[in-house]
Amino acid sequence: MEEKIGSLDKFLERFEKNGEIEIFVEIARTTKHHRSGEVFYAEATFSLGKKVFRAEDLNKDIRLAIDEVRDKLQQEIKKYKEKKIERSVRIKA
């Protein structure tokens, strides 16, 4: 799991001020019953200053749920970076 979520490092390097960002991850099984379908839950949360990033996913495979959470966080980080760059360009202009 650390390897999968740890791959977000390359997206966060520029924003790290103190050298570390804490990411809180929760992984659970949603039911003990013999239910098929989405029974695994994954969630990850972290913050950069005042901005909080959060993603969650339900899936039948725990690895796929973790991958989806990672992908959703990557998308959020990319959007955040683009907005920050766009603002700084507007301010300089």
PDB file of N, CA and C in Angstrom:
ATOM      1  N   MET A   1       0.822  -1.184   0.000  1.00  0.00           N
ATOM      2  CA  MET A   1       0.000   0.000   0.000  1.00  0.00           C
ATOM      3  C   MET A   1       0.872   1.256   0.000  1.00  0.00           C
ATOM      4  N   GLU A   2       1.950   1.244   0.789  1.00  0.00           N
ATOM      5  CA  GLU A   2       2.826   2.425   0.831  1.00  0.00           C
ATOM      6  C   GLU A   2       3.395   2.740  -0.538  1.00  0.00           C
ATOM      7  N   GLU A   3       3.723   1.687  -1.312  1.00  0.00           N
ATOM      8  CA  GLU A   3       4.266   1.912  -2.646  1.00  0.00           C
ATOM      9  C   GLU A   3       3.238   2.589  -3.540  1.00  0.00           C
ATOM     10  N   LYS A   4       2.002   2.137  -3.454  1.00  0.00           N
ATOM     11  CA  LYS A   4       0.956   2.698  -4.316  1.00  0.00           C
ATOM     12  C   LYS A   4       0.660   4.153  -3.964  1.00  0.00           C
ATOM     13  N   ILE A   5       0.453   4.434  -2.695  1.00  0.00           N
ATOM     14  CA  ILE A   5       0.164   5.806  -2.266  1.00  0.00           C
ATOM     15  C   ILE A   5       1.433   6.651  -2.333  1.00  0.00           C
ATOM     16  N   GLY A   6       2.587   6.034  -2.070  1.00  0.00           N
ATOM     17  CA  GLY A   6       3.866   6.741  -2.112  1.00  0.00           C
ATOM     18  C   GLY A   6       4.198   7.295  -3.481  1.00  0.00           C
ATOM     19  N   SER A   7       3.567   6.746  -4.520  1.00  0.00           N
ATOM     20  CA  SER A   7       3.836   7.240  -5.870  1.00  0.00           C
ATOM     21  C   SER A   7       3.315   8.671  -6.057  1.00  0.00           C
ATOM     22  N   LEU A   8       2.568   9.188  -5.099  1.00  0.00           N
ATOM     23  CA  LEU A   8       2.100  10.579  -5.158  1.00  0.00           C
ATOM     24  C   LEU A   8       3.233  11.567  -4.873  1.00  0.00           C
ATOM     25  N   ASP A   9       4.353  11.068  -4.348  1.00  0.00           N
ATOM     26  CA  ASP A   9       5.488  11.930  -4.003  1.00  0.00           C
ATOM     27  C   ASP A   9       5.899  12.846  -5.141  1.00  0.00           C
ATOM     28  N   LYS A  10       5.977  12.307  -6.348  1.00  0.00           N
ATOM     29  CA  LYS A  10       6.443  13.119  -7.474  1.00  0.00           C
ATOM     30  C   LYS A  10       5.501  14.290  -7.760  1.00  0.00           C
ATOM     31  N   PHE A  11       4.212  14.159  -7.386  1.00  0.00           N
ATOM     32  CA  PHE A  11       3.261  15.243  -7.592  1.00  0.00           C
ATOM     33  C   PHE A  11       3.330  16.283  -6.479  1.00  0.00           C
ATOM     34  N   LEU A  12       3.871  15.883  -5.330  1.00  0.00           N
ATOM     35  CA  LEU A  12       3.843  16.755  -4.157  1.00  0.00           C
ATOM     36  C   LEU A  12       5.175  17.413  -3.829  1.00  0.00           C
ATOM     37  N   GLU A  13       6.248  17.037  -4.501  1.00  0.00           N
ATOM     38  CA  GLU A  13       7.590  17.531  -4.165  1.00  0.00           C
ATOM     39  C   GLU A  13       7.645  19.050  -4.051  1.00  0.00           C
ATOM     40  N   ARG A  14       7.025  19.736  -4.977  1.00  0.00           N
ATOM     41  CA  ARG A  14       7.102  21.203  -5.014  1.00  0.00           C
ATOM     42  C   ARG A  14       6.405  21.859  -3.823  1.00  0.00           C
ATOM     43  N   PHE A  15       5.414  21.174  -3.281  1.00  0.00           N
ATOM     44  CA  PHE A  15       4.610  21.759  -2.215  1.00  0.00           C
ATOM     45  C   PHE A  15       5.101  21.417  -0.814  1.00  0.00           C
ATOM     46  N   GLU A  16       6.036  20.495  -0.720  1.00  0.00           N
ATOM     47  CA  GLU A  16       6.533  20.098   0.590  1.00  0.00           C
ATOM     48  C   GLU A  16       7.411  21.197   1.173  1.00  0.00           C
ATOM     49  N   LYS A  17       7.038  21.726   2.313  1.00  0.00           N
ATOM     50  CA  LYS A  17       7.838  22.766   2.950  1.00  0.00           C
ATOM     51  C   LYS A  17       8.775  22.181   3.990  1.00  0.00           C
ATOM     52  N   ASN A  18       8.263  21.270   4.793  1.00  0.00           N
ATOM     53  CA  ASN A  18       9.055  20.693   5.880  1.00  0.00           C
ATOM     54  C   ASN A  18       9.637  19.335   5.517  1.00  0.00           C
ATOM     55  N   GLY A  19       9.521  18.936   4.277  1.00  0.00           N
ATOM     56  CA  GLY A  19      10.102  17.677   3.857  1.00  0.00           C
ATOM     57  C   GLY A  19       9.164  16.488   3.947  1.00  0.00           C
ATOM     58  N   GLU A  20       8.028  16.637   4.621  1.00  0.00           N
ATOM     59  CA  GLU A  20       7.096  15.528   4.743  1.00  0.00           C
ATOM     60  C   GLU A  20       5.660  16.014   4.699  1.00  0.00           C
ATOM     61  N   ILE A  21       4.817  15.194   4.114  1.00  0.00           N
ATOM     62  CA  ILE A  21       3.380  15.415   4.135  1.00  0.00           C
ATOM     63  C   ILE A  21       2.760  14.136   4.672  1.00  0.00           C
ATOM     64  N   GLU A  22       1.890  14.270   5.655  1.00  0.00           N
ATOM     65  CA  GLU A  22       1.223  13.102   6.216  1.00  0.00           C
ATOM     66  C   GLU A  22      -0.047  12.813   5.433  1.00  0.00           C
ATOM     67  N   ILE A  23      -0.152  11.568   4.996  1.00  0.00           N
ATOM     68  CA  ILE A  23      -1.357  11.122   4.315  1.00  0.00           C
ATOM     69  C   ILE A  23      -2.027  10.090   5.209  1.00  0.00           C
ATOM     70  N   PHE A  24      -3.279  10.344   5.541  1.00  0.00           N
ATOM     71  CA  PHE A  24      -4.040   9.422   6.382  1.00  0.00           C
ATOM     72  C   PHE A  24      -4.840   8.496   5.473  1.00  0.00           C
ATOM     73  N   VAL A  25      -4.614   7.194   5.640  1.00  0.00           N
ATOM     74  CA  VAL A  25      -5.253   6.199   4.788  1.00  0.00           C
ATOM     75  C   VAL A  25      -6.109   5.273   5.641  1.00  0.00           C
ATOM     76  N   GLU A  26      -7.317   5.013   5.180  1.00  0.00           N
ATOM     77  CA  GLU A  26      -8.200   4.072   5.862  1.00  0.00           C
ATOM     78  C   GLU A  26      -8.617   3.013   4.850  1.00  0.00           C
ATOM     79  N   ILE A  27      -8.439   1.757   5.237  1.00  0.00           N
ATOM     80  CA  ILE A  27      -8.843   0.646   4.389  1.00  0.00           C
ATOM     81  C   ILE A  27      -9.715  -0.270   5.239  1.00  0.00           C
ATOM     82  N   ALA A  28     -10.857  -0.658   4.701  1.00  0.00           N
ATOM     83  CA  ALA A  28     -11.779  -1.475   5.491  1.00  0.00           C
ATOM     84  C   ALA A  28     -12.583  -2.403   4.590  1.00  0.00           C
ATOM     85  N   ARG A  29     -13.126  -3.386   5.220  1.00  0.00           N
ATOM     86  CA  ARG A  29     -14.083  -4.262   4.552  1.00  0.00           C
ATOM     87  C   ARG A  29     -15.461  -3.773   4.997  1.00  0.00           C
ATOM     88  N   THR A  30     -16.337  -3.510   4.055  1.00  0.00           N
ATOM     89  CA  THR A  30     -17.608  -2.891   4.392  1.00  0.00           C
ATOM     90  C   THR A  30     -18.614  -3.863   4.989  1.00  0.00           C
ATOM     91  N   THR A  31     -18.424  -5.147   4.778  1.00  0.00           N
ATOM     92  CA  THR A  31     -19.369  -6.124   5.308  1.00  0.00           C
ATOM     93  C   THR A  31     -18.690  -7.466   5.524  1.00  0.00           C
ATOM     94  N   LYS A  32     -19.171  -8.221   6.475  1.00  0.00           N
ATOM     95  CA  LYS A  32     -18.670  -9.577   6.700  1.00  0.00           C
ATOM     96  C   LYS A  32     -19.624 -10.605   6.091  1.00  0.00           C
ATOM     97  N   HIS A  33     -20.737 -10.149   5.603  1.00  0.00           N
ATOM     98  CA  HIS A  33     -21.723 -11.031   5.010  1.00  0.00           C
ATOM     99  C   HIS A  33     -21.201 -11.558   3.677  1.00  0.00           C
ATOM    100  N   HIS A  34     -21.760 -12.598   3.181  1.00  0.00           N
ATOM    101  CA  HIS A  34     -21.333 -13.197   1.912  1.00  0.00           C
ATOM    102  C   HIS A  34     -21.900 -12.416   0.732  1.00  0.00           C
ATOM    103  N   ARG A  35     -21.629 -11.166   0.720  1.00  0.00           N
ATOM    104  CA  ARG A  35     -22.147 -10.282  -0.311  1.00  0.00           C
ATOM    105  C   ARG A  35     -21.116 -10.157  -1.424  1.00  0.00           C
ATOM    106  N   SER A  36     -21.566 -10.169  -2.638  1.00  0.00           N
ATOM    107  CA  SER A  36     -20.624  -9.951  -3.733  1.00  0.00           C
ATOM    108  C   SER A  36     -20.677  -8.472  -4.118  1.00  0.00           C
ATOM    109  N   GLY A  37     -19.734  -8.059  -4.901  1.00  0.00           N
ATOM    110  CA  GLY A  37     -19.701  -6.662  -5.326  1.00  0.00           C
ATOM    111  C   GLY A  37     -18.706  -5.852  -4.520  1.00  0.00           C
ATOM    112  N   GLU A  38     -19.039  -4.603  -4.316  1.00  0.00           N
ATOM    113  CA  GLU A  38     -18.110  -3.668  -3.682  1.00  0.00           C
ATOM    114  C   GLU A  38     -18.093  -3.852  -2.171  1.00  0.00           C
ATOM    115  N   VAL A  39     -17.108  -4.604  -1.685  1.00  0.00           N
ATOM    116  CA  VAL A  39     -17.040  -4.869  -0.251  1.00  0.00           C
ATOM    117  C   VAL A  39     -15.807  -4.262   0.414  1.00  0.00           C
ATOM    118  N   PHE A  40     -14.877  -3.707  -0.360  1.00  0.00           N
ATOM    119  CA  PHE A  40     -13.691  -3.068   0.214  1.00  0.00           C
ATOM    120  C   PHE A  40     -13.771  -1.556   0.039  1.00  0.00           C
ATOM    121  N   TYR A  41     -13.331  -0.853   1.069  1.00  0.00           N
ATOM    122  CA  TYR A  41     -13.392   0.602   1.111  1.00  0.00           C
ATOM    123  C   TYR A  41     -11.978   1.138   1.341  1.00  0.00           C
ATOM    124  N   ALA A  42     -11.582   2.116   0.556  1.00  0.00           N
ATOM    125  CA  ALA A  42     -10.291   2.778   0.746  1.00  0.00           C
ATOM    126  C   ALA A  42     -10.519   4.287   0.722  1.00  0.00           C
ATOM    127  N   GLU A  43      -9.821   4.984   1.609  1.00  0.00           N
ATOM    128  CA  GLU A  43      -9.934   6.436   1.697  1.00  0.00           C
ATOM    129  C   GLU A  43      -8.569   7.008   2.060  1.00  0.00           C
ATOM    130  N   ALA A  44      -8.232   8.139   1.488  1.00  0.00           N
ATOM    131  CA  ALA A  44      -6.982   8.822   1.819  1.00  0.00           C
ATOM    132  C   ALA A  44      -7.253  10.317   1.923  1.00  0.00           C
ATOM    133  N   THR A  45      -6.603  10.949   2.912  1.00  0.00           N
ATOM    134  CA  THR A  45      -6.787  12.378   3.160  1.00  0.00           C
ATOM    135  C   THR A  45      -5.452  13.001   3.539  1.00  0.00           C
ATOM    136  N   PHE A  46      -5.177  14.189   3.017  1.00  0.00           N
ATOM    137  CA  PHE A  46      -4.025  14.979   3.452  1.00  0.00           C
ATOM    138  C   PHE A  46      -4.293  16.434   3.133  1.00  0.00           C
ATOM    139  N   SER A  47      -3.482  17.312   3.695  1.00  0.00           N
ATOM    140  CA  SER A  47      -3.695  18.735   3.425  1.00  0.00           C
ATOM    141  C   SER A  47      -2.394  19.426   3.071  1.00  0.00           C
ATOM    142  N   LEU A  48      -2.547  20.443   2.250  1.00  0.00           N
ATOM    143  CA  LEU A  48      -1.454  21.350   1.896  1.00  0.00           C
ATOM    144  C   LEU A  48      -1.936  22.737   2.278  1.00  0.00           C
ATOM    145  N   GLY A  49      -1.450  23.232   3.389  1.00  0.00           N
ATOM    146  CA  GLY A  49      -1.934  24.511   3.886  1.00  0.00           C
ATOM    147  C   GLY A  49      -3.391  24.401   4.250  1.00  0.00           C
ATOM    148  N   LYS A  50      -4.226  25.240   3.647  1.00  0.00           N
ATOM    149  CA  LYS A  50      -5.655  25.227   3.936  1.00  0.00           C
ATOM    150  C   LYS A  50      -6.431  24.279   3.026  1.00  0.00           C
ATOM    151  N   LYS A  51      -5.806  23.792   1.980  1.00  0.00           N
ATOM    152  CA  LYS A  51      -6.471  22.906   1.021  1.00  0.00           C
ATOM    153  C   LYS A  51      -6.404  21.460   1.506  1.00  0.00           C
ATOM    154  N   VAL A  52      -7.573  20.814   1.601  1.00  0.00           N
ATOM    155  CA  VAL A  52      -7.651  19.414   2.018  1.00  0.00           C
ATOM    156  C   VAL A  52      -7.953  18.557   0.792  1.00  0.00           C
ATOM    157  N   PHE A  53      -7.168  17.516   0.613  1.00  0.00           N
ATOM    158  CA  PHE A  53      -7.358  16.576  -0.481  1.00  0.00           C
ATOM    159  C   PHE A  53      -7.928  15.285   0.103  1.00  0.00           C
ATOM    160  N   ARG A  54      -8.978  14.772  -0.532  1.00  0.00           N
ATOM    161  CA  ARG A  54      -9.613  13.557  -0.015  1.00  0.00           C
ATOM    162  C   ARG A  54     -10.150  12.751  -1.183  1.00  0.00           C
ATOM    163  N   ALA A  55      -9.952  11.435  -1.110  1.00  0.00           N
ATOM    164  CA  ALA A  55     -10.501  10.541  -2.130  1.00  0.00           C
ATOM    165  C   ALA A  55     -10.927   9.255  -1.456  1.00  0.00           C
ATOM    166  N   GLU A  56     -11.973   8.643  -2.001  1.00  0.00           N
ATOM    167  CA  GLU A  56     -12.437   7.369  -1.470  1.00  0.00           C
ATOM    168  C   GLU A  56     -12.960   6.508  -2.611  1.00  0.00           C
ATOM    169  N   ASP A  57     -12.993   5.195  -2.370  1.00  0.00           N
ATOM    170  CA  ASP A  57     -13.478   4.284  -3.388  1.00  0.00           C
ATOM    171  C   ASP A  57     -13.980   2.999  -2.750  1.00  0.00           C
ATOM    172  N   LEU A  58     -15.022   2.440  -3.327  1.00  0.00           N
ATOM    173  CA  LEU A  58     -15.535   1.117  -2.969  1.00  0.00           C
ATOM    174  C   LEU A  58     -15.254   0.190  -4.145  1.00  0.00           C
ATOM    175  N   ASN A  59     -14.770  -1.016  -3.851  1.00  0.00           N
ATOM    176  CA  ASN A  59     -14.435  -1.932  -4.927  1.00  0.00           C
ATOM    177  C   ASN A  59     -14.461  -3.359  -4.420  1.00  0.00           C
ATOM    178  N   LYS A  60     -14.563  -4.311  -5.340  1.00  0.00           N
ATOM    179  CA  LYS A  60     -14.558  -5.717  -4.937  1.00  0.00           C
ATOM    180  C   LYS A  60     -13.148  -6.214  -4.653  1.00  0.00           C
ATOM    181  N   ASP A  61     -12.127  -5.484  -5.110  1.00  0.00           N
ATOM    182  CA  ASP A  61     -10.728  -5.854  -4.893  1.00  0.00           C
ATOM    183  C   ASP A  61     -10.040  -4.708  -4.143  1.00  0.00           C
ATOM    184  N   ILE A  62      -9.414  -5.013  -3.026  1.00  0.00           N
ATOM    185  CA  ILE A  62      -8.780  -3.973  -2.206  1.00  0.00           C
ATOM    186  C   ILE A  62      -7.679  -3.243  -2.975  1.00  0.00           C
ATOM    187  N   ARG A  63      -6.930  -3.976  -3.794  1.00  0.00           N
ATOM    188  CA  ARG A  63      -5.854  -3.326  -4.563  1.00  0.00           C
ATOM    189  C   ARG A  63      -6.411  -2.323  -5.566  1.00  0.00           C
ATOM    190  N   LEU A  64      -7.511  -2.696  -6.190  1.00  0.00           N
ATOM    191  CA  LEU A  64      -8.147  -1.770  -7.142  1.00  0.00           C
ATOM    192  C   LEU A  64      -8.706  -0.539  -6.439  1.00  0.00           C
ATOM    193  N   ALA A  65      -9.237  -0.733  -5.246  1.00  0.00           N
ATOM    194  CA  ALA A  65      -9.749   0.407  -4.476  1.00  0.00           C
ATOM    195  C   ALA A  65      -8.619   1.380  -4.147  1.00  0.00           C
ATOM    196  N   ILE A  66      -7.476   0.851  -3.733  1.00  0.00           N
ATOM    197  CA  ILE A  66      -6.318   1.692  -3.415  1.00  0.00           C
ATOM    198  C   ILE A  66      -5.831   2.416  -4.665  1.00  0.00           C
ATOM    199  N   ASP A  67      -5.764   1.700  -5.786  1.00  0.00           N
ATOM    200  CA  ASP A  67      -5.339   2.328  -7.043  1.00  0.00           C
ATOM    201  C   ASP A  67      -6.276   3.471  -7.439  1.00  0.00           C
ATOM    202  N   GLU A  68      -7.570   3.263  -7.277  1.00  0.00           N
ATOM    203  CA  GLU A  68      -8.537   4.307  -7.614  1.00  0.00           C
ATOM    204  C   GLU A  68      -8.362   5.536  -6.729  1.00  0.00           C
ATOM    205  N   VAL A  69      -8.139   5.315  -5.448  1.00  0.00           N
ATOM    206  CA  VAL A  69      -7.923   6.426  -4.523  1.00  0.00           C
ATOM    207  C   VAL A  69      -6.679   7.207  -4.937  1.00  0.00           C
ATOM    208  N   ARG A  70      -5.610   6.487  -5.258  1.00  0.00           N
ATOM    209  CA  ARG A  70      -4.376   7.144  -5.704  1.00  0.00           C
ATOM    210  C   ARG A  70      -4.625   7.971  -6.960  1.00  0.00           C
ATOM    211  N   ASP A  71      -5.335   7.384  -7.922  1.00  0.00           N
ATOM    212  CA  ASP A  71      -5.602   8.089  -9.176  1.00  0.00           C
ATOM    213  C   ASP A  71      -6.458   9.340  -8.952  1.00  0.00           C
ATOM    214  N   LYS A  72      -7.451   9.235  -8.076  1.00  0.00           N
ATOM    215  CA  LYS A  72      -8.300  10.387  -7.775  1.00  0.00           C
ATOM    216  C   LYS A  72      -7.483  11.509  -7.106  1.00  0.00           C
ATOM    217  N   LEU A  73      -6.593  11.128  -6.196  1.00  0.00           N
ATOM    218  CA  LEU A  73      -5.744  12.136  -5.547  1.00  0.00           C
ATOM    219  C   LEU A  73      -4.804  12.791  -6.555  1.00  0.00           C
ATOM    220  N   GLN A  74      -4.258  12.004  -7.473  1.00  0.00           N
ATOM    221  CA  GLN A  74      -3.382  12.566  -8.502  1.00  0.00           C
ATOM    222  C   GLN A  74      -4.132  13.612  -9.320  1.00  0.00           C
ATOM    223  N   GLN A  75      -5.374  13.321  -9.674  1.00  0.00           N
ATOM    224  CA  GLN A  75      -6.173  14.281 -10.435  1.00  0.00           C
ATOM    225  C   GLN A  75      -6.407  15.562  -9.635  1.00  0.00           C
ATOM    226  N   GLU A  76      -6.727  15.414  -8.356  1.00  0.00           N
ATOM    227  CA  GLU A  76      -6.948  16.595  -7.509  1.00  0.00           C
ATOM    228  C   GLU A  76      -5.682  17.439  -7.398  1.00  0.00           C
ATOM    229  N   ILE A  77      -4.543  16.780  -7.218  1.00  0.00           N
ATOM    230  CA  ILE A  77      -3.268  17.499  -7.096  1.00  0.00           C
ATOM    231  C   ILE A  77      -2.949  18.233  -8.385  1.00  0.00           C
ATOM    232  N   LYS A  78      -3.155  17.580  -9.523  1.00  0.00           N
ATOM    233  CA  LYS A  78      -2.897  18.226 -10.812  1.00  0.00           C
ATOM    234  C   LYS A  78      -3.763  19.472 -10.981  1.00  0.00           C
ATOM    235  N   LYS A  79      -5.055  19.355 -10.642  1.00  0.00           N
ATOM    236  CA  LYS A  79      -5.954  20.513 -10.747  1.00  0.00           C
ATOM    237  C   LYS A  79      -5.492  21.650  -9.835  1.00  0.00           C
ATOM    238  N   TYR A  80      -5.084  21.295  -8.627  1.00  0.00           N
ATOM    239  CA  TYR A  80      -4.613  22.291  -7.658  1.00  0.00           C
ATOM    240  C   TYR A  80      -3.369  23.005  -8.185  1.00  0.00           C
ATOM    241  N   LYS A  81      -2.432  22.232  -8.735  1.00  0.00           N
ATOM    242  CA  LYS A  81      -1.212  22.823  -9.291  1.00  0.00           C
ATOM    243  C   LYS A  81      -1.547  23.775 -10.434  1.00  0.00           C
ATOM    244  N   GLU A  82      -2.438  23.335 -11.329  1.00  0.00           N
ATOM    245  CA  GLU A  82      -2.809  24.170 -12.472  1.00  0.00           C
ATOM    246  C   GLU A  82      -3.437  25.485 -12.009  1.00  0.00           C
ATOM    247  N   LYS A  83      -4.311  25.415 -11.009  1.00  0.00           N
ATOM    248  CA  LYS A  83      -4.926  26.636 -10.495  1.00  0.00           C
ATOM    249  C   LYS A  83      -3.892  27.561  -9.883  1.00  0.00           C
ATOM    250  N   LYS A  84      -2.951  26.979  -9.132  1.00  0.00           N
ATOM    251  CA  LYS A  84      -1.913  27.797  -8.501  1.00  0.00           C
ATOM    252  C   LYS A  84      -1.026  28.465  -9.540  1.00  0.00           C
ATOM    253  N   ILE A  85      -0.658  27.736 -10.568  1.00  0.00           N
ATOM    254  CA  ILE A  85       0.175  28.293 -11.641  1.00  0.00           C
ATOM    255  C   ILE A  85      -0.610  29.380 -12.377  1.00  0.00           C
ATOM    256  N   GLU A  86      -1.878  29.100 -12.658  1.00  0.00           N
ATOM    257  CA  GLU A  86      -2.722  30.070 -13.355  1.00  0.00           C
ATOM    258  C   GLU A  86      -2.845  31.368 -12.554  1.00  0.00           C
ATOM    259  N   ARG A  87      -3.024  31.259 -11.259  1.00  0.00           N
ATOM    260  CA  ARG A  87      -3.120  32.448 -10.401  1.00  0.00           C
ATOM    261  C   ARG A  87      -1.820  33.231 -10.391  1.00  0.00           C
ATOM    262  N   SER A  88      -0.698  32.524 -10.298  1.00  0.00           N
ATOM    263  CA  SER A  88       0.584  33.232 -10.240  1.00  0.00           C
ATOM    264  C   SER A  88       0.881  33.930 -11.563  1.00  0.00           C
ATOM    265  N   VAL A  89       0.466  33.349 -12.669  1.00  0.00           N
ATOM    266  CA  VAL A  89       0.662  33.985 -13.977  1.00  0.00           C
ATOM    267  C   VAL A  89      -0.217  35.230 -14.071  1.00  0.00           C
ATOM    268  N   ARG A  90      -1.460  35.141 -13.588  1.00  0.00           N
ATOM    269  CA  ARG A  90      -2.368  36.296 -13.604  1.00  0.00           C
ATOM    270  C   ARG A  90      -1.835  37.426 -12.743  1.00  0.00           C
ATOM    271  N   ILE A  91      -1.270  37.096 -11.598  1.00  0.00           N
ATOM    272  CA  ILE A  91      -0.740  38.110 -10.685  1.00  0.00           C
ATOM    273  C   ILE A  91       0.465  38.807 -11.308  1.00  0.00           C
ATOM    274  N   LYS A  92       1.321  38.044 -11.983  1.00  0.00           N
ATOM    275  CA  LYS A  92       2.522  38.617 -12.597  1.00  0.00           C
ATOM    276  C   LYS A  92       2.180  39.478 -13.806  1.00  0.00           C
ATOM    277  N   ALA A  93       1.090  39.177 -14.473  1.00  0.00           N
ATOM    278  CA  ALA A  93       0.731  39.895 -15.707  1.00  0.00           C
ATOM    279  C   ALA A  93       0.158  41.250 -15.451  1.00  0.00           C
TER     280      ALA A  93
END
